[in-house]
PDB file of all heavy atoms in Angstrom:
ATOM      1  N   TYR A   1      14.293   2.229   4.327  1.00  0.00           N
ATOM      2  CA  TYR A   1      15.539   1.575   4.889  1.00  0.00           C
ATOM      3  C   TYR A   1      16.721   2.505   4.766  1.00  0.00           C
ATOM      4  O   TYR A   1      16.700   3.447   3.976  1.00  0.00           O
ATOM      5  CB  TYR A   1      15.762   0.292   4.072  1.00  0.00           C
ATOM      6  CG  TYR A   1      15.842   0.484   2.562  1.00  0.00           C
ATOM      7  CD1 TYR A   1      17.140   0.707   1.987  1.00  0.00           C
ATOM      8  CD2 TYR A   1      14.719   0.446   1.758  1.00  0.00           C
ATOM      9  CE1 TYR A   1      17.253   0.930   0.609  1.00  0.00           C
ATOM     10  CE2 TYR A   1      14.857   0.648   0.368  1.00  0.00           C
ATOM     11  CZ  TYR A   1      16.141   0.890  -0.206  1.00  0.00           C
ATOM     12  OH  TYR A   1      16.263   1.074  -1.576  1.00  0.00           O
ATOM     13  N   CYS A   2      17.618   2.267   5.576  1.00  0.00           N
ATOM     14  CA  CYS A   2      18.913   3.076   5.619  1.00  0.00           C
ATOM     15  C   CYS A   2      19.952   2.306   4.881  1.00  0.00           C
ATOM     16  O   CYS A   2      20.183   1.109   5.129  1.00  0.00           O
ATOM     17  CB  CYS A   2      19.357   3.328   7.048  1.00  0.00           C
ATOM     18  SG  CYS A   2      18.057   4.160   8.074  1.00  0.00           S
ATOM     19  N   LYS A   3      20.704   3.028   4.035  1.00  0.00           N
ATOM     20  CA  LYS A   3      21.775   2.390   3.280  1.00  0.00           C
ATOM     21  C   LYS A   3      22.845   3.521   2.918  1.00  0.00           C
ATOM     22  O   LYS A   3      22.425   4.504   2.405  1.00  0.00           O
ATOM     23  CB  LYS A   3      21.220   1.754   1.991  1.00  0.00           C
ATOM     24  CG  LYS A   3      22.189   0.822   1.318  1.00  0.00           C
ATOM     25  CD  LYS A   3      21.484   0.126   0.088  1.00  0.00           C
ATOM     26  CE  LYS A   3      22.513  -0.747  -0.569  1.00  0.00           C
ATOM     27  NZ  LYS A   3      21.847  -1.404  -1.746  1.00  0.00           N
ATOM     28  N   ASN A   4      24.109   3.164   3.214  1.00  0.00           N
ATOM     29  CA  ASN A   4      25.215   4.040   2.852  1.00  0.00           C
ATOM     30  C   ASN A   4      25.005   5.442   3.341  1.00  0.00           C
ATOM     31  O   ASN A   4      25.368   6.472   2.649  1.00  0.00           O
ATOM     32  CB  ASN A   4      25.392   4.041   1.305  1.00  0.00           C
ATOM     33  CG  ASN A   4      25.700   2.710   0.789  1.00  0.00           C
ATOM     34  OD1 ASN A   4      26.293   1.836   1.417  1.00  0.00           O
ATOM     35  ND2 ASN A   4      25.240   2.400  -0.455  1.00  0.00           N
ATOM     36  N   GLY A   5      24.462   5.621   4.575  1.00  0.00           N
ATOM     37  CA  GLY A   5      24.306   6.927   5.137  1.00  0.00           C
ATOM     38  C   GLY A   5      23.082   7.733   4.722  1.00  0.00           C
ATOM     39  O   GLY A   5      22.956   8.885   5.086  1.00  0.00           O
ATOM     40  N   TYR A   6      22.206   7.010   4.047  1.00  0.00           N
ATOM     41  CA  TYR A   6      20.953   7.697   3.642  1.00  0.00           C
ATOM     42  C   TYR A   6      19.729   6.874   4.072  1.00  0.00           C
ATOM     43  O   TYR A   6      19.767   5.684   4.140  1.00  0.00           O
ATOM     44  CB  TYR A   6      20.877   7.827   2.074  1.00  0.00           C
ATOM     45  CG  TYR A   6      22.002   8.712   1.501  1.00  0.00           C
ATOM     46  CD1 TYR A   6      23.025   8.087   0.817  1.00  0.00           C
ATOM     47  CD2 TYR A   6      21.972  10.066   1.641  1.00  0.00           C
ATOM     48  CE1 TYR A   6      24.054   8.811   0.278  1.00  0.00           C
ATOM     49  CE2 TYR A   6      22.968  10.842   1.117  1.00  0.00           C
ATOM     50  CZ  TYR A   6      24.037  10.213   0.427  1.00  0.00           C
ATOM     51  OH  TYR A   6      25.083  10.988  -0.108  1.00  0.00           O
ATOM     52  N   LEU A   7      18.665   7.636   4.314  1.00  0.00           N
ATOM     53  CA  LEU A   7      17.339   6.995   4.455  1.00  0.00           C
ATOM     54  C   LEU A   7      16.711   6.997   3.048  1.00  0.00           C
ATOM     55  O   LEU A   7      16.652   7.997   2.422  1.00  0.00           O
ATOM     56  CB  LEU A   7      16.437   7.827   5.379  1.00  0.00           C
ATOM     57  CG  LEU A   7      14.927   7.458   5.333  1.00  0.00           C
ATOM     58  CD1 LEU A   7      14.725   6.030   5.996  1.00  0.00           C
ATOM     59  CD2 LEU A   7      14.101   8.503   6.063  1.00  0.00           C
ATOM     60  N   ILE A   8      16.345   5.764   2.574  1.00  0.00           N
ATOM     61  CA  ILE A   8      15.689   5.625   1.303  1.00  0.00           C
ATOM     62  C   ILE A   8      14.185   5.322   1.556  1.00  0.00           C
ATOM     63  O   ILE A   8      13.898   4.306   2.221  1.00  0.00           O
ATOM     64  CB  ILE A   8      16.347   4.471   0.414  1.00  0.00           C
ATOM     65  CG1 ILE A   8      17.824   4.547   0.537  1.00  0.00           C
ATOM     66  CG2 ILE A   8      15.746   4.493  -0.911  1.00  0.00           C
ATOM     67  CD1 ILE A   8      18.466   5.591  -0.384  1.00  0.00           C
ATOM     68  N   ILE A   9      13.363   6.090   0.996  1.00  0.00           N
ATOM     69  CA  ILE A   9      11.947   5.834   1.026  1.00  0.00           C
ATOM     70  C   ILE A   9      11.567   5.485  -0.440  1.00  0.00           C
ATOM     71  O   ILE A   9      11.702   6.343  -1.300  1.00  0.00           O
ATOM     72  CB  ILE A   9      11.046   6.959   1.512  1.00  0.00           C
ATOM     73  CG1 ILE A   9      11.448   7.216   3.026  1.00  0.00           C
ATOM     74  CG2 ILE A   9       9.614   6.653   1.449  1.00  0.00           C
ATOM     75  CD1 ILE A   9      10.802   8.413   3.651  1.00  0.00           C
ATOM     76  N   GLU A  10      11.244   4.232  -0.658  1.00  0.00           N
ATOM     77  CA  GLU A  10      11.073   3.715  -2.051  1.00  0.00           C
ATOM     78  C   GLU A  10       9.688   3.389  -2.357  1.00  0.00           C
ATOM     79  O   GLU A  10       9.007   2.590  -1.715  1.00  0.00           O
ATOM     80  CB  GLU A  10      12.015   2.480  -2.148  1.00  0.00           C
ATOM     81  CG  GLU A  10      12.147   1.970  -3.617  1.00  0.00           C
ATOM     82  CD  GLU A  10      13.187   0.878  -3.679  1.00  0.00           C
ATOM     83  OE1 GLU A  10      14.423   1.198  -3.545  1.00  0.00           O
ATOM     84  OE2 GLU A  10      12.851  -0.292  -3.901  1.00  0.00           O
ATOM     85  N   ALA A  11       9.146   3.908  -3.510  1.00  0.00           N
ATOM     86  CA  ALA A  11       7.837   3.590  -4.036  1.00  0.00           C
ATOM     87  C   ALA A  11       8.006   2.570  -5.072  1.00  0.00           C
ATOM     88  O   ALA A  11       8.886   2.698  -5.967  1.00  0.00           O
ATOM     89  CB  ALA A  11       7.197   4.831  -4.568  1.00  0.00           C
ATOM     90  N   ARG A  12       7.226   1.528  -5.018  1.00  0.00           N
ATOM     91  CA  ARG A  12       7.294   0.411  -6.022  1.00  0.00           C
ATOM     92  C   ARG A  12       5.938   0.097  -6.601  1.00  0.00           C
ATOM     93  O   ARG A  12       4.886   0.276  -5.915  1.00  0.00           O
ATOM     94  CB  ARG A  12       7.761  -0.891  -5.279  1.00  0.00           C
ATOM     95  CG  ARG A  12       9.077  -0.728  -4.563  1.00  0.00           C
ATOM     96  CD  ARG A  12       9.394  -1.927  -3.698  1.00  0.00           C
ATOM     97  NE  ARG A  12      10.595  -1.650  -2.878  1.00  0.00           N
ATOM     98  CZ  ARG A  12      10.816  -2.203  -1.617  1.00  0.00           C
ATOM     99  NH1 ARG A  12       9.887  -2.932  -1.089  1.00  0.00           N
ATOM    100  NH2 ARG A  12      11.840  -1.870  -0.949  1.00  0.00           N
ATOM    101  N   GLN A  13       6.011  -0.297  -7.841  1.00  0.00           N
ATOM    102  CA  GLN A  13       4.770  -0.674  -8.553  1.00  0.00           C
ATOM    103  C   GLN A  13       4.655  -2.197  -8.315  1.00  0.00           C
ATOM    104  O   GLN A  13       5.338  -3.035  -8.914  1.00  0.00           O
ATOM    105  CB  GLN A  13       4.849  -0.358 -10.048  1.00  0.00           C
ATOM    106  CG  GLN A  13       3.504  -0.621 -10.733  1.00  0.00           C
ATOM    107  CD  GLN A  13       3.496   0.040 -12.171  1.00  0.00           C
ATOM    108  OE1 GLN A  13       4.537   0.372 -12.697  1.00  0.00           O
ATOM    109  NE2 GLN A  13       2.370   0.181 -12.760  1.00  0.00           N
ATOM    110  N   GLU A  14       3.791  -2.608  -7.390  1.00  0.00           N
ATOM    111  CA  GLU A  14       3.600  -4.013  -7.091  1.00  0.00           C
ATOM    112  C   GLU A  14       2.171  -4.213  -6.541  1.00  0.00           C
ATOM    113  O   GLU A  14       1.638  -3.350  -5.900  1.00  0.00           O
ATOM    114  CB  GLU A  14       4.650  -4.461  -6.113  1.00  0.00           C
ATOM    115  CG  GLU A  14       4.705  -3.737  -4.833  1.00  0.00           C
ATOM    116  CD  GLU A  14       5.853  -4.309  -3.896  1.00  0.00           C
ATOM    117  OE1 GLU A  14       6.394  -5.278  -4.214  1.00  0.00           O
ATOM    118  OE2 GLU A  14       6.187  -3.605  -2.858  1.00  0.00           O
ATOM    119  N   LYS A  15       1.565  -5.333  -6.904  1.00  0.00           N
ATOM    120  CA  LYS A  15       0.199  -5.564  -6.473  1.00  0.00           C
ATOM    121  C   LYS A  15       0.163  -6.198  -5.132  1.00  0.00           C
ATOM    122  O   LYS A  15       0.918  -7.165  -4.805  1.00  0.00           O
ATOM    123  CB  LYS A  15      -0.445  -6.492  -7.537  1.00  0.00           C
ATOM    124  CG  LYS A  15      -1.919  -6.629  -7.521  1.00  0.00           C
ATOM    125  CD  LYS A  15      -2.414  -7.388  -8.649  1.00  0.00           C
ATOM    126  CE  LYS A  15      -3.960  -7.712  -8.571  1.00  0.00           C
ATOM    127  NZ  LYS A  15      -4.367  -8.524  -9.685  1.00  0.00           N
ATOM    128  N   LEU A  16      -0.708  -5.627  -4.325  1.00  0.00           N
ATOM    129  CA  LEU A  16      -0.758  -6.171  -2.900  1.00  0.00           C
ATOM    130  C   LEU A  16      -2.286  -6.252  -2.492  1.00  0.00           C
ATOM    131  O   LEU A  16      -3.014  -5.344  -2.726  1.00  0.00           O
ATOM    132  CB  LEU A  16      -0.095  -5.153  -1.956  1.00  0.00           C
ATOM    133  CG  LEU A  16       0.428  -5.680  -0.636  1.00  0.00           C
ATOM    134  CD1 LEU A  16       1.683  -6.493  -0.836  1.00  0.00           C
ATOM    135  CD2 LEU A  16       0.749  -4.487   0.218  1.00  0.00           C
ATOM    136  N   LYS A  17      -2.614  -7.404  -1.981  1.00  0.00           N
ATOM    137  CA  LYS A  17      -4.020  -7.567  -1.590  1.00  0.00           C
ATOM    138  C   LYS A  17      -4.314  -6.738  -0.366  1.00  0.00           C
ATOM    139  O   LYS A  17      -3.566  -6.639   0.581  1.00  0.00           O
ATOM    140  CB  LYS A  17      -4.258  -9.047  -1.230  1.00  0.00           C
ATOM    141  CG  LYS A  17      -5.725  -9.433  -1.123  1.00  0.00           C
ATOM    142  CD  LYS A  17      -5.935 -10.950  -1.329  1.00  0.00           C
ATOM    143  CE  LYS A  17      -7.475 -11.308  -1.170  1.00  0.00           C
ATOM    144  NZ  LYS A  17      -8.338 -10.604  -2.115  1.00  0.00           N
ATOM    145  N   ASN A  18      -5.451  -6.056  -0.376  1.00  0.00           N
ATOM    146  CA  ASN A  18      -5.926  -5.209   0.672  1.00  0.00           C
ATOM    147  C   ASN A  18      -6.638  -6.135   1.696  1.00  0.00           C
ATOM    148  O   ASN A  18      -7.758  -6.540   1.496  1.00  0.00           O
ATOM    149  CB  ASN A  18      -6.841  -4.147   0.148  1.00  0.00           C
ATOM    150  CG  ASN A  18      -7.362  -3.260   1.273  1.00  0.00           C
ATOM    151  OD1 ASN A  18      -7.018  -3.303   2.420  1.00  0.00           O
ATOM    152  ND2 ASN A  18      -8.322  -2.357   0.906  1.00  0.00           N
ATOM    153  N   PRO A  19      -6.034  -6.271   2.934  1.00  0.00           N
ATOM    154  CA  PRO A  19      -6.691  -7.178   3.929  1.00  0.00           C
ATOM    155  C   PRO A  19      -7.955  -6.588   4.439  1.00  0.00           C
ATOM    156  O   PRO A  19      -8.763  -7.294   5.077  1.00  0.00           O
ATOM    157  CB  PRO A  19      -5.617  -7.289   5.021  1.00  0.00           C
ATOM    158  CG  PRO A  19      -4.737  -6.080   4.851  1.00  0.00           C
ATOM    159  CD  PRO A  19      -4.723  -5.688   3.401  1.00  0.00           C
ATOM    160  N   ASN A  20      -8.211  -5.263   4.206  1.00  0.00           N
ATOM    161  CA  ASN A  20      -9.405  -4.551   4.722  1.00  0.00           C
ATOM    162  C   ASN A  20     -10.509  -4.467   3.704  1.00  0.00           C
ATOM    163  O   ASN A  20     -11.403  -3.713   3.895  1.00  0.00           O
ATOM    164  CB  ASN A  20      -9.039  -3.173   5.251  1.00  0.00           C
ATOM    165  CG  ASN A  20      -7.894  -3.272   6.280  1.00  0.00           C
ATOM    166  OD1 ASN A  20      -7.866  -4.122   7.163  1.00  0.00           O
ATOM    167  ND2 ASN A  20      -6.947  -2.437   6.096  1.00  0.00           N
ATOM    168  N   TYR A  21     -10.289  -5.144   2.629  1.00  0.00           N
ATOM    169  CA  TYR A  21     -11.208  -5.108   1.410  1.00  0.00           C
ATOM    170  C   TYR A  21     -12.669  -5.451   1.821  1.00  0.00           C
ATOM    171  O   TYR A  21     -12.915  -6.534   2.461  1.00  0.00           O
ATOM    172  CB  TYR A  21     -10.845  -5.959   0.301  1.00  0.00           C
ATOM    173  CG  TYR A  21     -11.722  -6.074  -0.860  1.00  0.00           C
ATOM    174  CD1 TYR A  21     -12.065  -4.865  -1.592  1.00  0.00           C
ATOM    175  CD2 TYR A  21     -12.206  -7.317  -1.328  1.00  0.00           C
ATOM    176  CE1 TYR A  21     -12.896  -4.978  -2.631  1.00  0.00           C
ATOM    177  CE2 TYR A  21     -13.026  -7.354  -2.394  1.00  0.00           C
ATOM    178  CZ  TYR A  21     -13.452  -6.206  -3.094  1.00  0.00           C
ATOM    179  OH  TYR A  21     -14.288  -6.264  -4.161  1.00  0.00           O
ATOM    180  N   VAL A  22     -13.613  -4.554   1.512  1.00  0.00           N
ATOM    181  CA  VAL A  22     -15.020  -4.776   1.644  1.00  0.00           C
ATOM    182  C   VAL A  22     -15.687  -4.415   0.335  1.00  0.00           C
ATOM    183  O   VAL A  22     -15.720  -3.278   0.001  1.00  0.00           O
ATOM    184  CB  VAL A  22     -15.608  -3.950   2.825  1.00  0.00           C
ATOM    185  CG1 VAL A  22     -17.169  -4.200   2.913  1.00  0.00           C
ATOM    186  CG2 VAL A  22     -14.845  -4.192   4.159  1.00  0.00           C
ATOM    187  N   PRO A  23     -16.265  -5.366  -0.454  1.00  0.00           N
ATOM    188  CA  PRO A  23     -16.896  -5.130  -1.746  1.00  0.00           C
ATOM    189  C   PRO A  23     -18.017  -4.053  -1.539  1.00  0.00           C
ATOM    190  O   PRO A  23     -18.754  -4.101  -0.503  1.00  0.00           O
ATOM    191  CB  PRO A  23     -17.438  -6.465  -2.162  1.00  0.00           C
ATOM    192  CG  PRO A  23     -16.612  -7.467  -1.356  1.00  0.00           C
ATOM    193  CD  PRO A  23     -16.281  -6.853  -0.062  1.00  0.00           C
ATOM    194  N   ASN A  24     -18.096  -3.134  -2.449  1.00  0.00           N
ATOM    195  CA  ASN A  24     -19.156  -2.122  -2.476  1.00  0.00           C
ATOM    196  C   ASN A  24     -19.112  -1.162  -1.300  1.00  0.00           C
ATOM    197  O   ASN A  24     -20.110  -0.413  -1.142  1.00  0.00           O
ATOM    198  CB  ASN A  24     -20.512  -2.768  -2.607  1.00  0.00           C
ATOM    199  CG  ASN A  24     -20.615  -3.740  -3.772  1.00  0.00           C
ATOM    200  OD1 ASN A  24     -20.118  -3.444  -4.811  1.00  0.00           O
ATOM    201  ND2 ASN A  24     -21.210  -4.877  -3.571  1.00  0.00           N
ATOM    202  N   SER A  25     -18.061  -1.109  -0.544  1.00  0.00           N
ATOM    203  CA  SER A  25     -17.923  -0.137   0.525  1.00  0.00           C
ATOM    204  C   SER A  25     -17.763   1.198  -0.038  1.00  0.00           C
ATOM    205  O   SER A  25     -17.224   1.423  -1.102  1.00  0.00           O
ATOM    206  CB  SER A  25     -16.740  -0.451   1.401  1.00  0.00           C
ATOM    207  OG  SER A  25     -16.476   0.581   2.291  1.00  0.00           O
ATOM    208  N   SER A  26     -18.367   2.292   0.648  1.00  0.00           N
ATOM    209  CA  SER A  26     -18.177   3.626   0.178  1.00  0.00           C
ATOM    210  C   SER A  26     -16.858   4.231   0.706  1.00  0.00           C
ATOM    211  O   SER A  26     -16.456   5.334   0.402  1.00  0.00           O
ATOM    212  CB  SER A  26     -19.327   4.449   0.668  1.00  0.00           C
ATOM    213  OG  SER A  26     -19.410   4.416   2.105  1.00  0.00           O
ATOM    214  N   ASN A  27     -16.173   3.496   1.589  1.00  0.00           N
ATOM    215  CA  ASN A  27     -14.917   3.914   2.180  1.00  0.00           C
ATOM    216  C   ASN A  27     -13.720   3.541   1.231  1.00  0.00           C
ATOM    217  O   ASN A  27     -13.557   2.382   0.865  1.00  0.00           O
ATOM    218  CB  ASN A  27     -14.743   3.235   3.539  1.00  0.00           C
ATOM    219  CG  ASN A  27     -13.453   3.667   4.225  1.00  0.00           C
ATOM    220  OD1 ASN A  27     -12.501   4.179   3.587  1.00  0.00           O
ATOM    221  ND2 ASN A  27     -13.435   3.482   5.554  1.00  0.00           N
ATOM    222  N   TRP A  28     -13.001   4.558   0.725  1.00  0.00           N
ATOM    223  CA  TRP A  28     -11.896   4.310  -0.233  1.00  0.00           C
ATOM    224  C   TRP A  28     -10.900   3.334   0.318  1.00  0.00           C
ATOM    225  O   TRP A  28     -10.150   2.715  -0.470  1.00  0.00           O
ATOM    226  CB  TRP A  28     -11.276   5.575  -0.709  1.00  0.00           C
ATOM    227  CG  TRP A  28     -10.460   6.233   0.308  1.00  0.00           C
ATOM    228  CD1 TRP A  28     -10.897   7.176   1.290  1.00  0.00           C
ATOM    229  CD2 TRP A  28      -9.043   6.153   0.492  1.00  0.00           C
ATOM    230  NE1 TRP A  28      -9.838   7.556   2.042  1.00  0.00           N
ATOM    231  CE2 TRP A  28      -8.648   6.965   1.634  1.00  0.00           C
ATOM    232  CE3 TRP A  28      -8.056   5.464  -0.162  1.00  0.00           C
ATOM    233  CZ2 TRP A  28      -7.325   7.140   2.037  1.00  0.00           C
ATOM    234  CZ3 TRP A  28      -6.721   5.587   0.272  1.00  0.00           C
ATOM    235  CH2 TRP A  28      -6.425   6.418   1.393  1.00  0.00           C
ATOM    236  N   LYS A  29     -10.725   3.334   1.610  1.00  0.00           N
ATOM    237  CA  LYS A  29      -9.684   2.388   2.217  1.00  0.00           C
ATOM    238  C   LYS A  29     -10.088   0.928   2.167  1.00  0.00           C
ATOM    239  O   LYS A  29      -9.311   0.051   2.311  1.00  0.00           O
ATOM    240  CB  LYS A  29      -9.392   2.806   3.666  1.00  0.00           C
ATOM    241  CG  LYS A  29      -8.753   4.164   3.787  1.00  0.00           C
ATOM    242  CD  LYS A  29      -8.475   4.524   5.264  1.00  0.00           C
ATOM    243  CE  LYS A  29      -7.967   5.923   5.435  1.00  0.00           C
ATOM    244  NZ  LYS A  29      -7.694   6.244   6.802  1.00  0.00           N
ATOM    245  N   GLU A  30     -11.413   0.684   1.990  1.00  0.00           N
ATOM    246  CA  GLU A  30     -11.976  -0.660   1.950  1.00  0.00           C
ATOM    247  C   GLU A  30     -12.321  -1.119   0.583  1.00  0.00           C
ATOM    248  O   GLU A  30     -12.393  -2.360   0.314  1.00  0.00           O
ATOM    249  CB  GLU A  30     -13.198  -0.686   2.879  1.00  0.00           C
ATOM    250  CG  GLU A  30     -12.917  -0.433   4.326  1.00  0.00           C
ATOM    251  CD  GLU A  30     -14.155  -0.397   5.183  1.00  0.00           C
ATOM    252  OE1 GLU A  30     -15.310  -0.232   4.618  1.00  0.00           O
ATOM    253  OE2 GLU A  30     -14.022  -0.387   6.436  1.00  0.00           O
ATOM    254  N   ASN A  31     -12.758  -0.213  -0.355  1.00  0.00           N
ATOM    255  CA  ASN A  31     -13.362  -0.738  -1.610  1.00  0.00           C
ATOM    256  C   ASN A  31     -12.347  -1.030  -2.706  1.00  0.00           C
ATOM    257  O   ASN A  31     -12.723  -1.351  -3.803  1.00  0.00           O
ATOM    258  CB  ASN A  31     -14.427   0.327  -2.112  1.00  0.00           C
ATOM    259  CG  ASN A  31     -13.809   1.660  -2.344  1.00  0.00           C
ATOM    260  OD1 ASN A  31     -12.642   1.759  -2.617  1.00  0.00           O
ATOM    261  ND2 ASN A  31     -14.710   2.671  -2.448  1.00  0.00           N
ATOM    262  N   ARG A  32     -11.047  -0.884  -2.400  1.00  0.00           N
ATOM    263  CA  ARG A  32     -10.077  -1.402  -3.365  1.00  0.00           C
ATOM    264  C   ARG A  32      -9.578  -2.794  -2.967  1.00  0.00           C
ATOM    265  O   ARG A  32      -9.115  -2.988  -1.849  1.00  0.00           O
ATOM    266  CB  ARG A  32      -8.811  -0.462  -3.346  1.00  0.00           C
ATOM    267  CG  ARG A  32      -9.099   0.988  -3.568  1.00  0.00           C
ATOM    268  CD  ARG A  32      -7.891   1.747  -3.282  1.00  0.00           C
ATOM    269  NE  ARG A  32      -8.065   3.196  -3.511  1.00  0.00           N
ATOM    270  CZ  ARG A  32      -7.132   4.129  -3.405  1.00  0.00           C
ATOM    271  NH1 ARG A  32      -5.881   3.772  -3.095  1.00  0.00           N
ATOM    272  NH2 ARG A  32      -7.332   5.366  -3.712  1.00  0.00           N
ATOM    273  N   GLU A  33      -9.728  -3.783  -3.824  1.00  0.00           N
ATOM    274  CA  GLU A  33      -9.358  -5.113  -3.484  1.00  0.00           C
ATOM    275  C   GLU A  33      -7.840  -5.226  -3.400  1.00  0.00           C
ATOM    276  O   GLU A  33      -7.337  -5.977  -2.638  1.00  0.00           O
ATOM    277  CB  GLU A  33      -9.927  -6.130  -4.554  1.00  0.00           C
ATOM    278  CG  GLU A  33      -9.768  -7.574  -4.090  1.00  0.00           C
ATOM    279  CD  GLU A  33     -10.485  -8.567  -4.982  1.00  0.00           C
ATOM    280  OE1 GLU A  33     -11.175  -8.132  -5.933  1.00  0.00           O
ATOM    281  OE2 GLU A  33     -10.361  -9.712  -4.753  1.00  0.00           O
TER     282      GLU A  33
END
């Protein structure tokens, strides 16, 4: 987001459900719940 003349890219520690979750998948994009 832009604020006070800067672009801020913010990393947060928050839990988010992976909509692409596939149990036991070998694909790292899918095997994290």
